[in-house]
């Protein structure tokens, strides 16, 4: 399994997408505000996602 890096865009849990802000041992902290429908979903700006539960869909811009 490939772990995400800071700046990667990941997809998880029913199609939610976000930018990885921090990588922890077992999870990543993700900023969800990049989604076009973020305000409509009425969800928190950030969330924690276990490494087992996401797919990297875009590499870091800084890579």
N, C-alpha and C. Protein backbone atom coordinates (compact mmCIF):
# COMPACT_ATOMS: atom_id res chain seq x y z
N UNK A 1 0.84 -1.18 0.00
CA UNK A 1 0.00 0.00 0.00
C UNK A 1 0.89 1.25 0.00
N UNK A 2 0.55 2.19 -0.86
CA UNK A 2 1.27 3.45 -0.94
C UNK A 2 0.61 4.46 -0.01
N UNK A 3 1.41 5.04 0.88
CA UNK A 3 0.89 6.07 1.78
C UNK A 3 0.90 7.41 1.07
N UNK A 4 -0.12 8.19 1.34
CA UNK A 4 -0.19 9.54 0.78
C UNK A 4 0.87 10.43 1.41
N UNK A 5 1.20 11.50 0.71
CA UNK A 5 2.14 12.51 1.20
C UNK A 5 1.41 13.84 1.28
N UNK A 6 1.98 14.77 2.01
CA UNK A 6 1.39 16.10 2.12
C UNK A 6 1.23 16.69 0.72
N UNK A 7 0.05 17.19 0.44
CA UNK A 7 -0.23 17.79 -0.87
C UNK A 7 -0.96 16.86 -1.83
N UNK A 8 -0.97 15.55 -1.56
CA UNK A 8 -1.72 14.62 -2.41
C UNK A 8 -3.21 14.88 -2.27
N UNK A 9 -3.93 14.64 -3.35
CA UNK A 9 -5.40 14.65 -3.29
C UNK A 9 -5.84 13.20 -3.19
N UNK A 10 -6.70 12.91 -2.20
CA UNK A 10 -7.16 11.54 -2.01
C UNK A 10 -8.68 11.49 -2.10
N UNK A 11 -9.19 10.28 -2.39
CA UNK A 11 -10.63 10.02 -2.42
C UNK A 11 -10.92 8.95 -1.38
N UNK A 12 -12.02 9.11 -0.66
CA UNK A 12 -12.38 8.17 0.39
C UNK A 12 -13.87 8.23 0.66
N UNK A 13 -14.39 7.30 1.40
CA UNK A 13 -15.75 7.27 1.95
C UNK A 13 -16.81 7.87 1.03
N UNK A 14 -17.22 7.12 0.05
CA UNK A 14 -18.33 7.55 -0.80
C UNK A 14 -18.02 8.68 -1.76
N UNK A 15 -16.77 8.87 -2.12
CA UNK A 15 -16.42 9.87 -3.12
C UNK A 15 -15.93 11.20 -2.57
N UNK A 16 -15.84 11.34 -1.25
CA UNK A 16 -15.28 12.58 -0.71
C UNK A 16 -13.83 12.72 -1.16
N UNK A 17 -13.39 13.95 -1.36
CA UNK A 17 -12.01 14.22 -1.78
C UNK A 17 -11.42 15.31 -0.91
N UNK A 18 -10.11 15.26 -0.74
CA UNK A 18 -9.44 16.29 0.03
C UNK A 18 -7.95 16.28 -0.19
N UNK A 19 -7.30 17.34 0.28
CA UNK A 19 -5.85 17.48 0.19
C UNK A 19 -5.24 17.06 1.52
N UNK A 20 -4.23 16.21 1.45
CA UNK A 20 -3.55 15.75 2.66
C UNK A 20 -2.74 16.90 3.24
N UNK A 21 -2.99 17.21 4.52
CA UNK A 21 -2.26 18.28 5.21
C UNK A 21 -1.19 17.74 6.15
N UNK A 22 -1.43 16.54 6.69
CA UNK A 22 -0.47 15.95 7.63
C UNK A 22 -0.55 14.44 7.52
N UNK A 23 0.61 13.79 7.59
CA UNK A 23 0.67 12.34 7.55
C UNK A 23 1.07 11.84 8.93
N UNK A 24 0.24 11.00 9.51
CA UNK A 24 0.53 10.37 10.80
C UNK A 24 0.89 8.91 10.56
N UNK A 25 1.22 8.19 11.62
CA UNK A 25 1.63 6.80 11.49
C UNK A 25 0.54 5.94 10.86
N UNK A 26 -0.70 6.11 11.30
CA UNK A 26 -1.79 5.26 10.82
C UNK A 26 -2.85 6.00 10.01
N UNK A 27 -2.69 7.29 9.81
CA UNK A 27 -3.74 8.07 9.17
C UNK A 27 -3.19 9.36 8.56
N UNK A 28 -4.07 10.05 7.85
CA UNK A 28 -3.74 11.37 7.31
C UNK A 28 -4.83 12.35 7.75
N UNK A 29 -4.46 13.62 7.85
CA UNK A 29 -5.42 14.69 8.11
C UNK A 29 -5.67 15.37 6.77
N UNK A 30 -6.95 15.51 6.42
CA UNK A 30 -7.34 15.93 5.08
C UNK A 30 -8.20 17.20 5.14
N UNK A 31 -7.90 18.14 4.24
CA UNK A 31 -8.70 19.36 4.08
C UNK A 31 -9.73 19.10 2.98
N UNK A 32 -11.00 19.18 3.33
CA UNK A 32 -12.08 18.85 2.39
C UNK A 32 -12.60 20.04 1.60
N UNK A 33 -12.11 21.23 1.86
CA UNK A 33 -12.67 22.44 1.25
C UNK A 33 -12.40 22.55 -0.25
N UNK A 34 -11.61 21.65 -0.83
CA UNK A 34 -11.36 21.70 -2.28
C UNK A 34 -12.54 21.20 -3.10
N UNK A 35 -13.46 20.48 -2.45
CA UNK A 35 -14.61 19.95 -3.19
C UNK A 35 -15.55 21.08 -3.59
N UNK A 36 -16.04 21.04 -4.82
CA UNK A 36 -16.94 22.09 -5.32
C UNK A 36 -18.22 22.17 -4.49
N UNK A 37 -18.71 21.03 -4.01
CA UNK A 37 -19.96 21.01 -3.25
C UNK A 37 -19.73 20.98 -1.74
N UNK A 38 -18.58 21.43 -1.28
CA UNK A 38 -18.24 21.37 0.14
C UNK A 38 -19.30 22.05 1.01
N UNK A 39 -19.70 23.27 0.67
CA UNK A 39 -20.68 24.01 1.49
C UNK A 39 -22.04 23.32 1.51
N UNK A 40 -22.43 22.73 0.40
CA UNK A 40 -23.71 22.04 0.32
C UNK A 40 -23.76 20.81 1.22
N UNK A 41 -22.62 20.16 1.39
CA UNK A 41 -22.56 18.93 2.20
C UNK A 41 -22.66 19.21 3.69
N UNK A 42 -22.37 20.42 4.10
CA UNK A 42 -22.41 20.82 5.51
C UNK A 42 -21.62 19.85 6.39
N UNK A 43 -20.34 19.68 6.04
CA UNK A 43 -19.43 18.82 6.80
C UNK A 43 -18.28 19.66 7.34
N UNK A 44 -17.53 19.08 8.25
CA UNK A 44 -16.37 19.76 8.82
C UNK A 44 -15.32 20.01 7.73
N UNK A 45 -14.47 21.02 7.94
CA UNK A 45 -13.44 21.35 6.95
C UNK A 45 -12.35 20.29 6.87
N UNK A 46 -12.05 19.65 7.98
CA UNK A 46 -10.97 18.66 8.03
C UNK A 46 -11.46 17.38 8.65
N UNK A 47 -10.79 16.28 8.27
CA UNK A 47 -11.11 14.99 8.85
C UNK A 47 -9.87 14.11 8.86
N UNK A 48 -9.94 13.02 9.60
CA UNK A 48 -8.85 12.05 9.69
C UNK A 48 -9.27 10.80 8.93
N UNK A 49 -8.36 10.27 8.10
CA UNK A 49 -8.66 9.08 7.31
C UNK A 49 -7.52 8.07 7.49
N UNK A 50 -7.87 6.85 7.84
CA UNK A 50 -6.90 5.77 7.98
C UNK A 50 -6.27 5.46 6.63
N UNK A 51 -4.99 5.07 6.65
CA UNK A 51 -4.28 4.76 5.41
C UNK A 51 -4.97 3.66 4.59
N UNK A 52 -5.71 2.77 5.25
CA UNK A 52 -6.38 1.68 4.55
C UNK A 52 -7.61 2.15 3.78
N UNK A 53 -8.07 3.37 4.06
CA UNK A 53 -9.39 3.79 3.58
C UNK A 53 -9.39 4.88 2.52
N UNK A 54 -8.30 5.07 1.80
CA UNK A 54 -8.29 6.09 0.76
C UNK A 54 -7.51 5.64 -0.46
N UNK A 55 -7.73 6.37 -1.56
CA UNK A 55 -7.00 6.17 -2.80
C UNK A 55 -6.40 7.51 -3.21
N UNK A 56 -5.14 7.51 -3.59
CA UNK A 56 -4.49 8.74 -4.06
C UNK A 56 -4.97 8.97 -5.49
N UNK A 57 -5.56 10.15 -5.74
CA UNK A 57 -6.05 10.42 -7.10
C UNK A 57 -5.25 11.51 -7.80
N UNK A 58 -4.42 12.23 -7.06
CA UNK A 58 -3.56 13.25 -7.68
C UNK A 58 -2.32 13.43 -6.82
N UNK A 59 -1.15 13.34 -7.43
CA UNK A 59 0.09 13.54 -6.64
C UNK A 59 0.23 14.99 -6.17
N UNK A 60 1.12 15.19 -5.26
CA UNK A 60 1.39 16.52 -4.74
C UNK A 60 1.86 17.44 -5.84
N UNK A 61 1.43 18.68 -5.80
CA UNK A 61 1.88 19.68 -6.77
C UNK A 61 3.37 19.92 -6.64
N UNK A 62 3.89 19.77 -5.43
CA UNK A 62 5.31 20.01 -5.15
C UNK A 62 6.19 18.82 -5.45
N UNK A 63 5.61 17.71 -5.89
CA UNK A 63 6.41 16.49 -6.12
C UNK A 63 7.26 16.60 -7.35
